[in-house]
Structures are given as C-alpha cells and as structure tokens.
C-alpha cells in the first residue's frame, strides 16, 4: 500500500506538468529546448511542441495511475500494461520529436 501512495505523490506533479504543457506553455521546462539559443528557439513552433509533450505526459501519468491501480487491486497484469505503455510512450516521444523536423516553423 505504501507503493501506491508514493506513486500517487509522483502522479500529481506529472498531471500538473501535463496540463501546463497541453495549454502550449512551459517550453522552457523541456530538456533540450531550454538550452537552445534564442535564434535556434525562433525556428521552432513552441506551442505545437508543448502540446505534443503534454499528450505524452498525460500518457505517462496514465501509466503511473495503472501502477497505483495494480497495487490497490493486487493485479500484476495492470502493472505490466502500465510498464509497457510507459516504455512505448517514451520511445515513441523520442523518435517522433527528433525526426523530420516536425516542430520546426514553416516559413
């Protein structure tokens, strides 16, 4: 039961961050983007990048919720689904955001 409480505590900031990003705000909190120069940042559609990362964060939050649910219901299958979903989202997010200049502005 302690694991469920810890995961709930972890879930709350993830949800807050997901909501913040889904509104198109908070790009300065994204790793990689915040280290770019201002001229490099001007090439990117900040709102689109934030909204995409917000969707990924909602998915990660759902995965963490599945961890909590598996603890409460004592169902290891839910944990496995959450883990596969978490890993899939991370890999998809990395590949999608770093290929084909998807978030660069169209001039």
C-alpha atoms as a PDB file:
ATOM      1  CA  UNK A   1       0.000   0.000   0.000  1.00  0.00           C
ATOM      2  CA  UNK A   2       2.926   2.357   0.607  1.00  0.00           C
ATOM      3  CA  UNK A   3       3.954   1.965  -3.031  1.00  0.00           C
ATOM      4  CA  UNK A   4       0.531   3.175  -4.156  1.00  0.00           C
ATOM      5  CA  UNK A   5       0.777   6.292  -2.005  1.00  0.00           C
ATOM      6  CA  UNK A   6       4.257   7.072  -3.299  1.00  0.00           C
ATOM      7  CA  UNK A   7       3.088   6.628  -6.895  1.00  0.00           C
ATOM      8  CA  UNK A   8       0.123   8.933  -6.246  1.00  0.00           C
ATOM      9  CA  UNK A   9       2.507  11.566  -4.909  1.00  0.00           C
ATOM     10  CA  UNK A  10       4.593  11.173  -8.085  1.00  0.00           C
ATOM     11  CA  UNK A  11       1.469  11.295 -10.266  1.00  0.00           C
ATOM     12  CA  UNK A  12       0.339  14.749  -9.093  1.00  0.00           C
ATOM     13  CA  UNK A  13       3.292  16.789 -10.489  1.00  0.00           C
ATOM     14  CA  UNK A  14       3.160  14.796 -13.727  1.00  0.00           C
ATOM     15  CA  UNK A  15      -0.510  15.722 -14.166  1.00  0.00           C
ATOM     16  CA  UNK A  16       0.148  19.382 -13.349  1.00  0.00           C
ATOM     17  CA  UNK A  17       3.007  19.473 -15.855  1.00  0.00           C
ATOM     18  CA  UNK A  18       0.838  17.721 -18.483  1.00  0.00           C
ATOM     19  CA  UNK A  19      -1.941  20.288 -18.057  1.00  0.00           C
ATOM     20  CA  UNK A  20       0.551  23.146 -18.223  1.00  0.00           C
ATOM     21  CA  UNK A  21       2.145  21.792 -21.426  1.00  0.00           C
ATOM     22  CA  UNK A  22      -1.179  20.977 -23.091  1.00  0.00           C
ATOM     23  CA  UNK A  23      -2.029  24.684 -22.947  1.00  0.00           C
ATOM     24  CA  UNK A  24       1.053  25.427 -25.057  1.00  0.00           C
ATOM     25  CA  UNK A  25       3.066  26.861 -22.181  1.00  0.00           C
ATOM     26  CA  UNK A  26       6.196  25.719 -20.383  1.00  0.00           C
ATOM     27  CA  UNK A  27       8.638  25.136 -23.225  1.00  0.00           C
ATOM     28  CA  UNK A  28      11.420  26.454 -21.012  1.00  0.00           C
ATOM     29  CA  UNK A  29      10.927  23.359 -18.841  1.00  0.00           C
ATOM     30  CA  UNK A  30      11.589  20.946 -21.714  1.00  0.00           C
ATOM     31  CA  UNK A  31      15.075  19.463 -21.765  1.00  0.00           C
ATOM     32  CA  UNK A  32      16.972  20.365 -24.903  1.00  0.00           C
ATOM     33  CA  UNK A  33      14.683  23.216 -25.851  1.00  0.00           C
ATOM     34  CA  UNK A  34      15.654  25.299 -22.832  1.00  0.00           C
ATOM     35  CA  UNK A  35      19.357  25.040 -23.712  1.00  0.00           C
ATOM     36  CA  UNK A  36      18.943  26.362 -27.267  1.00  0.00           C
ATOM     37  CA  UNK A  37      19.934  29.879 -28.186  1.00  0.00           C
ATOM     38  CA  UNK A  38      17.143  32.370 -28.831  1.00  0.00           C
ATOM     39  CA  UNK A  39      17.824  32.301 -32.572  1.00  0.00           C
ATOM     40  CA  UNK A  40      17.513  28.498 -32.571  1.00  0.00           C
ATOM     41  CA  UNK A  41      14.313  28.616 -30.478  1.00  0.00           C
ATOM     42  CA  UNK A  42      12.769  31.013 -33.017  1.00  0.00           C
ATOM     43  CA  UNK A  43      12.881  28.219 -35.613  1.00  0.00           C
ATOM     44  CA  UNK A  44      10.516  26.002 -33.593  1.00  0.00           C
ATOM     45  CA  UNK A  45       6.746  26.090 -33.112  1.00  0.00           C
ATOM     46  CA  UNK A  46       6.785  26.270 -29.336  1.00  0.00           C
ATOM     47  CA  UNK A  47       3.035  25.735 -28.865  1.00  0.00           C
ATOM     48  CA  UNK A  48       2.964  22.603 -31.036  1.00  0.00           C
ATOM     49  CA  UNK A  49       5.967  21.151 -29.218  1.00  0.00           C
ATOM     50  CA  UNK A  50       4.387  21.847 -25.833  1.00  0.00           C
ATOM     51  CA  UNK A  51       1.043  20.341 -26.827  1.00  0.00           C
ATOM     52  CA  UNK A  52       2.732  17.177 -28.112  1.00  0.00           C
ATOM     53  CA  UNK A  53       4.786  16.816 -24.943  1.00  0.00           C
ATOM     54  CA  UNK A  54       1.632  17.459 -22.895  1.00  0.00           C
ATOM     55  CA  UNK A  55      -0.044  14.486 -24.582  1.00  0.00           C
ATOM     56  CA  UNK A  56       2.991  12.330 -23.846  1.00  0.00           C
ATOM     57  CA  UNK A  57       2.898  13.476 -20.213  1.00  0.00           C
ATOM     58  CA  UNK A  58      -0.803  12.574 -19.937  1.00  0.00           C
ATOM     59  CA  UNK A  59       0.076   9.100 -21.212  1.00  0.00           C
ATOM     60  CA  UNK A  60       2.897   8.776 -18.688  1.00  0.00           C
ATOM     61  CA  UNK A  61       0.510   9.937 -15.962  1.00  0.00           C
ATOM     62  CA  UNK A  62      -1.948   7.237 -17.014  1.00  0.00           C
ATOM     63  CA  UNK A  63       0.852   4.664 -16.815  1.00  0.00           C
ATOM     64  CA  UNK A  64       1.654   5.767 -13.276  1.00  0.00           C
ATOM     65  CA  UNK A  65      -2.054   5.553 -12.435  1.00  0.00           C
ATOM     66  CA  UNK A  66      -2.031   1.952 -13.685  1.00  0.00           C
ATOM     67  CA  UNK A  67       0.856   1.281 -11.279  1.00  0.00           C
ATOM     68  CA  UNK A  68      -1.283   2.647  -8.422  1.00  0.00           C
ATOM     69  CA  UNK A  69      -4.307   0.656  -9.521  1.00  0.00           C
ATOM     70  CA  UNK A  70      -2.285  -2.548  -9.752  1.00  0.00           C
ATOM     71  CA  UNK A  71      -1.095  -2.007  -6.181  1.00  0.00           C
ATOM     72  CA  UNK A  72      -4.606  -1.358  -4.863  1.00  0.00           C
ATOM     73  CA  UNK A  73      -6.192  -4.269  -6.722  1.00  0.00           C
ATOM     74  CA  UNK A  74      -3.150  -6.519  -6.272  1.00  0.00           C
ATOM     75  CA  UNK A  75      -3.196  -7.212 -10.005  1.00  0.00           C
ATOM     76  CA  UNK A  76       0.251  -7.610 -11.554  1.00  0.00           C
ATOM     77  CA  UNK A  77      -1.212  -7.546 -15.071  1.00  0.00           C
ATOM     78  CA  UNK A  78      -2.155  -3.857 -14.705  1.00  0.00           C
ATOM     79  CA  UNK A  79       1.413  -3.078 -13.677  1.00  0.00           C
ATOM     80  CA  UNK A  80       2.703  -4.886 -16.781  1.00  0.00           C
ATOM     81  CA  UNK A  81       0.342  -2.933 -19.040  1.00  0.00           C
ATOM     82  CA  UNK A  82       1.432   0.327 -17.400  1.00  0.00           C
ATOM     83  CA  UNK A  83       5.108  -0.528 -17.812  1.00  0.00           C
ATOM     84  CA  UNK A  84       4.740  -1.453 -21.488  1.00  0.00           C
ATOM     85  CA  UNK A  85       2.721   1.729 -22.095  1.00  0.00           C
ATOM     86  CA  UNK A  86       5.321   3.850 -20.288  1.00  0.00           C
ATOM     87  CA  UNK A  87       8.236   2.441 -22.267  1.00  0.00           C
ATOM     88  CA  UNK A  88       6.317   2.678 -25.550  1.00  0.00           C
ATOM     89  CA  UNK A  89       5.393   6.317 -24.923  1.00  0.00           C
ATOM     90  CA  UNK A  90       8.963   7.279 -24.068  1.00  0.00           C
ATOM     91  CA  UNK A  91      10.402   5.605 -27.160  1.00  0.00           C
ATOM     92  CA  UNK A  92       7.646   6.996 -29.400  1.00  0.00           C
ATOM     93  CA  UNK A  93       8.054  10.508 -27.975  1.00  0.00           C
ATOM     94  CA  UNK A  94      11.810  10.479 -28.507  1.00  0.00           C
ATOM     95  CA  UNK A  95      11.627   9.158 -32.052  1.00  0.00           C
ATOM     96  CA  UNK A  96       8.679  11.301 -33.142  1.00  0.00           C
ATOM     97  CA  UNK A  97      10.020  14.560 -31.746  1.00  0.00           C
ATOM     98  CA  UNK A  98      13.547  14.074 -33.088  1.00  0.00           C
ATOM     99  CA  UNK A  99      12.794  13.047 -36.668  1.00  0.00           C
ATOM    100  CA  UNK A 100      11.786  15.002 -39.767  1.00  0.00           C
ATOM    101  CA  UNK A 101      11.817  18.477 -38.161  1.00  0.00           C
ATOM    102  CA  UNK A 102       8.184  18.041 -37.110  1.00  0.00           C
ATOM    103  CA  UNK A 103       8.117  21.047 -34.816  1.00  0.00           C
ATOM    104  CA  UNK A 104      10.071  23.489 -36.936  1.00  0.00           C
ATOM    105  CA  UNK A 105       8.148  26.510 -38.177  1.00  0.00           C
ATOM    106  CA  UNK A 106       7.180  26.590 -41.812  1.00  0.00           C
ATOM    107  CA  UNK A 107       8.459  29.807 -43.349  1.00  0.00           C
END
